[in-house]
């Protein structure tokens, strides 16, 4: 069976590309399995620090493959979400590089990432409203946390199309770029994140997610726990030793 997920390494970044342009990069069962495998490989590979998810052919992702939904949707055996990825807990930063349409589960895939970069031509929406399908890959939980309850319900209940500019104004998109430049900007951002020691990056990222929805005191305890474990490797990094050494001021 042909691969529908391409993975390319650029320095310490894995570019994970959905390669089903004839289907607007909709995710069928096999593509979901391959995406899950690529995400797990990212976490387990010591030579990779950041992942970028994007789509081929000027479209990000049209969500779950409609033909499979019409055949009879089922969550049986899908422990990582309907499309096969949304319940994973990844340990390394993920960036979405979005061109064209990100609709239905494509919005949910973008929300699964930590940071979203989109071009001005990007469009978003839960178009599955039109044929009565619910959200099954995290949209009802992640979107309100990112843009707030009212705006999230606006998108979820109406299913209307949201422009890249509106998504940026709401905070769903973090960086807005010219058409065709989303991947380049995502790579630049990945380089910015990857140039520093990653233990603290991952500890702080973990603390952010662990603390969501908890009382501040509990969140502070999580921050301390994650941070102290990251400090164990601080002395192993050359730059930290250089900072601690007395400077010869001649």
Protein backbone atom coordinates (compact mmCIF):
# COMPACT_ATOMS: atom_id res chain seq x y z
CA UNK A 1 0.00 0.00 0.00
CA UNK A 2 1.36 3.41 -1.01
CA UNK A 3 2.42 5.78 1.73
CA UNK A 4 0.19 8.81 2.18
CA UNK A 5 2.40 10.43 4.81
CA UNK A 6 5.79 11.78 3.80
CA UNK A 7 8.43 12.57 6.43
CA UNK A 8 11.46 14.71 5.71
CA UNK A 9 14.17 15.70 8.15
CA UNK A 10 15.60 19.23 8.11
CA UNK A 11 18.26 19.55 10.82
CA UNK A 12 16.42 18.50 14.00
CA UNK A 13 12.94 19.10 12.55
CA UNK A 14 10.66 16.45 11.05
CA UNK A 15 8.34 17.74 8.32
CA UNK A 16 5.29 15.45 8.25
CA UNK A 17 3.29 15.96 5.05
CA UNK A 18 -0.14 14.53 4.25
CA UNK A 19 0.10 13.36 0.64
CA UNK A 20 -3.46 12.86 -0.64
CA UNK A 21 -3.92 15.99 -2.76
CA UNK A 22 -6.57 14.37 -4.97
CA UNK A 23 -8.67 13.95 -1.81
CA UNK A 24 -7.77 17.38 -0.40
CA UNK A 25 -5.54 15.53 2.06
CA UNK A 26 -8.50 13.94 3.81
CA UNK A 27 -7.40 11.38 6.38
CA UNK A 28 -8.56 7.83 5.82
CA UNK A 29 -7.83 4.93 8.17
CA UNK A 30 -4.47 4.10 6.63
CA UNK A 31 -3.32 7.73 6.59
CA UNK A 32 -4.34 8.08 10.23
CA UNK A 33 -2.24 5.03 11.12
CA UNK A 34 0.75 6.43 9.23
CA UNK A 35 0.36 9.85 10.89
CA UNK A 36 0.22 8.19 14.30
CA UNK A 37 3.39 6.23 13.47
CA UNK A 38 5.20 9.39 12.33
CA UNK A 39 4.27 11.27 15.50
CA UNK A 40 5.48 8.40 17.70
CA UNK A 41 8.71 8.23 15.71
CA UNK A 42 9.24 11.95 16.32
CA UNK A 43 8.92 11.45 20.06
CA UNK A 44 11.22 8.43 20.13
CA UNK A 45 14.00 9.77 17.87
CA UNK A 46 16.74 11.52 19.87
CA UNK A 47 17.87 13.37 16.74
CA UNK A 48 14.53 15.12 16.27
CA UNK A 49 13.30 18.01 18.43
CA UNK A 50 10.32 19.54 16.62
CA UNK A 51 7.64 18.39 14.20
CA UNK A 52 5.87 20.33 11.45
CA UNK A 53 2.60 19.02 10.03
CA UNK A 54 1.50 20.25 6.62
CA UNK A 55 -0.37 19.13 3.51
CA UNK A 56 0.61 18.69 -0.11
CA UNK A 57 -0.89 20.54 -3.07
CA UNK A 58 -1.87 23.83 -1.46
CA UNK A 59 -4.39 22.28 0.97
CA UNK A 60 -3.75 21.52 4.62
CA UNK A 61 -6.38 18.89 5.41
CA UNK A 62 -10.06 18.30 4.65
CA UNK A 63 -10.52 16.20 7.79
CA UNK A 64 -11.71 12.62 7.94
CA UNK A 65 -12.35 10.88 4.63
CA UNK A 66 -16.09 11.32 4.01
CA UNK A 67 -16.41 8.01 2.14
CA UNK A 68 -15.38 6.15 5.27
CA UNK A 69 -17.77 8.17 7.42
CA UNK A 70 -20.64 7.23 5.10
CA UNK A 71 -19.59 3.58 5.29
CA UNK A 72 -20.34 3.66 8.99
CA UNK A 73 -18.28 5.65 11.52
CA UNK A 74 -16.96 3.78 14.50
CA UNK A 75 -14.59 4.49 17.37
CA UNK A 76 -14.09 0.79 18.05
CA UNK A 77 -10.39 0.11 18.50
CA UNK A 78 -9.48 3.77 17.89
CA UNK A 79 -7.78 4.54 21.19
CA UNK A 80 -5.99 7.58 19.71
CA UNK A 81 -9.11 9.30 18.37
CA UNK A 82 -11.33 8.85 15.33
CA UNK A 83 -8.70 9.93 12.78
CA UNK A 84 -5.97 8.13 14.71
CA UNK A 85 -3.90 10.88 16.34
CA UNK A 86 -5.91 13.30 18.46
CA UNK A 87 -5.62 11.46 21.80
CA UNK A 88 -1.85 11.14 21.62
CA UNK A 89 0.21 13.00 24.21
CA UNK A 90 3.31 14.08 22.29
CA UNK A 91 6.42 15.21 24.13
CA UNK A 92 7.95 17.47 21.47
CA UNK A 93 6.65 20.74 20.03
CA UNK A 94 4.43 20.55 16.96
CA UNK A 95 3.82 23.32 14.43
CA UNK A 96 1.04 23.35 11.84
CA UNK A 97 1.97 24.93 8.48
CA UNK A 98 -1.35 25.72 6.82
CA UNK A 99 -2.06 26.62 3.22
CA UNK A 100 -5.54 26.53 1.71
CA UNK A 101 -8.38 24.70 3.41
CA UNK A 102 -8.18 23.32 6.94
CA UNK A 103 -11.73 22.13 7.50
CA UNK A 104 -13.52 19.61 9.69
CA UNK A 105 -10.92 17.34 11.19
CA UNK A 106 -8.31 19.50 9.48
CA UNK A 107 -9.13 22.23 11.99
CA UNK A 108 -8.78 19.64 14.74
CA UNK A 109 -5.41 18.55 13.36
CA UNK A 110 -4.24 22.18 13.42
CA UNK A 111 -5.50 22.55 17.00
CA UNK A 112 -3.62 19.38 17.96
CA UNK A 113 -0.39 21.28 17.22
CA UNK A 114 1.13 23.76 19.67
CA UNK A 115 1.61 26.63 17.22
CA UNK A 116 -0.22 27.37 13.98
CA UNK A 117 1.33 29.21 11.02
CA UNK A 118 -1.03 30.01 8.16
CA UNK A 119 -0.95 31.89 4.88
CA UNK A 120 -3.50 34.56 4.02
CA UNK A 121 -5.21 32.10 1.66
CA UNK A 122 -6.03 29.63 4.47
CA UNK A 123 -9.68 28.97 5.30
CA UNK A 124 -11.16 27.21 8.31
CA UNK A 125 -14.51 25.75 9.25
CA UNK A 126 -16.39 22.78 10.61
CA UNK A 127 -18.09 22.02 7.31
CA UNK A 128 -19.29 18.65 8.61
CA UNK A 129 -22.23 20.61 10.08
CA UNK A 130 -23.80 20.34 6.62
CA UNK A 131 -24.16 16.56 6.79
CA UNK A 132 -24.66 16.12 10.52
CA UNK A 133 -21.29 14.73 11.62
CA UNK A 134 -20.03 15.65 15.11
CA UNK A 135 -16.51 16.66 16.07
CA UNK A 136 -14.56 13.60 17.18
CA UNK A 137 -10.89 14.67 17.29
CA UNK A 138 -10.57 17.26 19.99
CA UNK A 139 -12.22 20.33 18.48
CA UNK A 140 -14.81 20.75 21.24
CA UNK A 141 -12.05 20.65 23.88
CA UNK A 142 -9.07 22.42 22.31
CA UNK A 143 -10.76 25.25 20.43
CA UNK A 144 -12.43 26.91 23.49
CA UNK A 145 -9.10 26.78 25.33
CA UNK A 146 -7.40 28.62 22.48
CA UNK A 147 -9.94 31.25 21.34
CA UNK A 148 -12.49 31.33 24.16
CA UNK A 149 -15.96 29.84 24.61
CA UNK A 150 -18.05 32.28 22.58
CA UNK A 151 -15.87 32.30 19.47
CA UNK A 152 -15.43 28.54 19.64
CA UNK A 153 -19.19 28.01 19.76
CA UNK A 154 -19.59 30.44 16.85
CA UNK A 155 -17.40 28.17 14.73
CA UNK A 156 -18.70 24.87 16.07
CA UNK A 157 -22.43 25.58 15.96
CA UNK A 158 -22.61 27.42 12.64
CA UNK A 159 -19.94 25.53 10.68
CA UNK A 160 -19.28 28.76 8.79
CA UNK A 161 -16.09 29.53 6.91
CA UNK A 162 -13.52 31.55 8.85
CA UNK A 163 -10.81 33.46 7.00
CA UNK A 164 -7.15 33.34 7.95
CA UNK A 165 -7.30 36.97 9.06
CA UNK A 166 -10.27 36.34 11.36
CA UNK A 167 -8.60 33.21 12.75
CA UNK A 168 -5.46 35.28 13.40
CA UNK A 169 -7.43 38.06 15.08
CA UNK A 170 -9.06 35.46 17.35
CA UNK A 171 -5.72 33.89 18.28
CA UNK A 172 -6.35 30.55 16.58
CA UNK A 173 -3.51 31.35 14.18
CA UNK A 174 -0.25 32.50 15.75
CA UNK A 175 1.65 33.67 12.67
CA UNK A 176 0.09 34.90 9.43
CA UNK A 177 2.22 34.98 6.27
CA UNK A 178 1.90 35.49 2.53
CA UNK A 179 0.54 32.71 0.34
CA UNK A 180 3.04 29.91 -0.15
CA UNK A 181 5.22 30.89 2.82
CA UNK A 182 3.64 28.91 5.68
CA UNK A 183 6.15 26.05 5.59
CA UNK A 184 9.16 28.37 5.37
CA UNK A 185 7.89 30.36 8.36
CA UNK A 186 7.22 27.14 10.28
CA UNK A 187 10.79 25.98 9.58
CA UNK A 188 12.14 29.34 10.78
CA UNK A 189 10.08 29.00 13.95
CA UNK A 190 11.27 25.41 14.43
CA UNK A 191 14.87 26.61 14.14
CA UNK A 192 14.18 29.30 16.74
CA UNK A 193 12.81 26.70 19.17
CA UNK A 194 15.41 24.06 18.34
CA UNK A 195 18.52 26.23 18.81
CA UNK A 196 18.24 26.05 22.63
CA UNK A 197 18.57 23.03 24.99
CA UNK A 198 15.38 21.00 24.70
CA UNK A 199 14.98 19.58 28.21
CA UNK A 200 13.69 22.90 29.57
CA UNK A 201 11.57 23.52 26.46
CA UNK A 202 9.81 20.18 26.90
CA UNK A 203 9.46 20.61 30.67
CA UNK A 204 7.83 24.01 30.29
CA UNK A 205 5.57 22.79 27.50
CA UNK A 206 4.51 19.83 29.65
CA UNK A 207 3.82 22.12 32.61
CA UNK A 208 1.60 24.37 30.48
CA UNK A 209 -0.58 21.46 29.38
CA UNK A 210 -0.60 19.76 32.77
CA UNK A 211 -1.71 23.00 34.42
CA UNK A 212 -4.61 23.79 32.09
CA UNK A 213 -7.88 23.89 34.00
CA UNK A 214 -6.28 23.32 37.40
CA UNK A 215 -6.15 25.73 40.35
CA UNK A 216 -3.09 28.00 40.28
CA UNK A 217 -1.50 26.31 43.30
CA UNK A 218 -1.72 22.93 41.62
CA UNK A 219 -0.32 24.40 38.41
CA UNK A 220 2.61 25.91 40.30
CA UNK A 221 3.38 22.52 41.82
CA UNK A 222 3.37 20.98 38.33
CA UNK A 223 5.65 23.73 37.06
CA UNK A 224 8.09 23.11 39.90
CA UNK A 225 8.08 19.35 39.38
CA UNK A 226 8.69 19.61 35.64
CA UNK A 227 11.25 22.40 36.02
CA UNK A 228 13.32 20.66 38.68
CA UNK A 229 13.63 17.57 36.53
CA UNK A 230 14.83 19.73 33.65
CA UNK A 231 17.45 21.36 35.89
CA UNK A 232 19.15 18.00 36.30
CA UNK A 233 20.55 18.28 32.78
CA UNK A 234 21.40 21.98 32.96
CA UNK A 235 24.98 21.46 34.09
CA UNK A 236 25.56 19.12 31.16
CA UNK A 237 25.10 21.96 28.66
CA UNK A 238 28.32 23.84 27.76
CA UNK A 239 26.72 27.28 27.65
CA UNK A 240 25.45 26.96 31.23
CA UNK A 241 28.96 26.14 32.43
CA UNK A 242 30.36 29.13 30.57
CA UNK A 243 27.85 31.44 32.23
CA UNK A 244 28.76 30.14 35.66
CA UNK A 245 32.51 30.63 35.21
CA UNK A 246 34.08 33.93 36.37
CA UNK A 247 34.86 36.21 33.46
CA UNK A 248 38.39 37.57 33.01
CA UNK A 249 37.87 41.32 32.78
CA UNK A 250 41.56 41.91 32.10
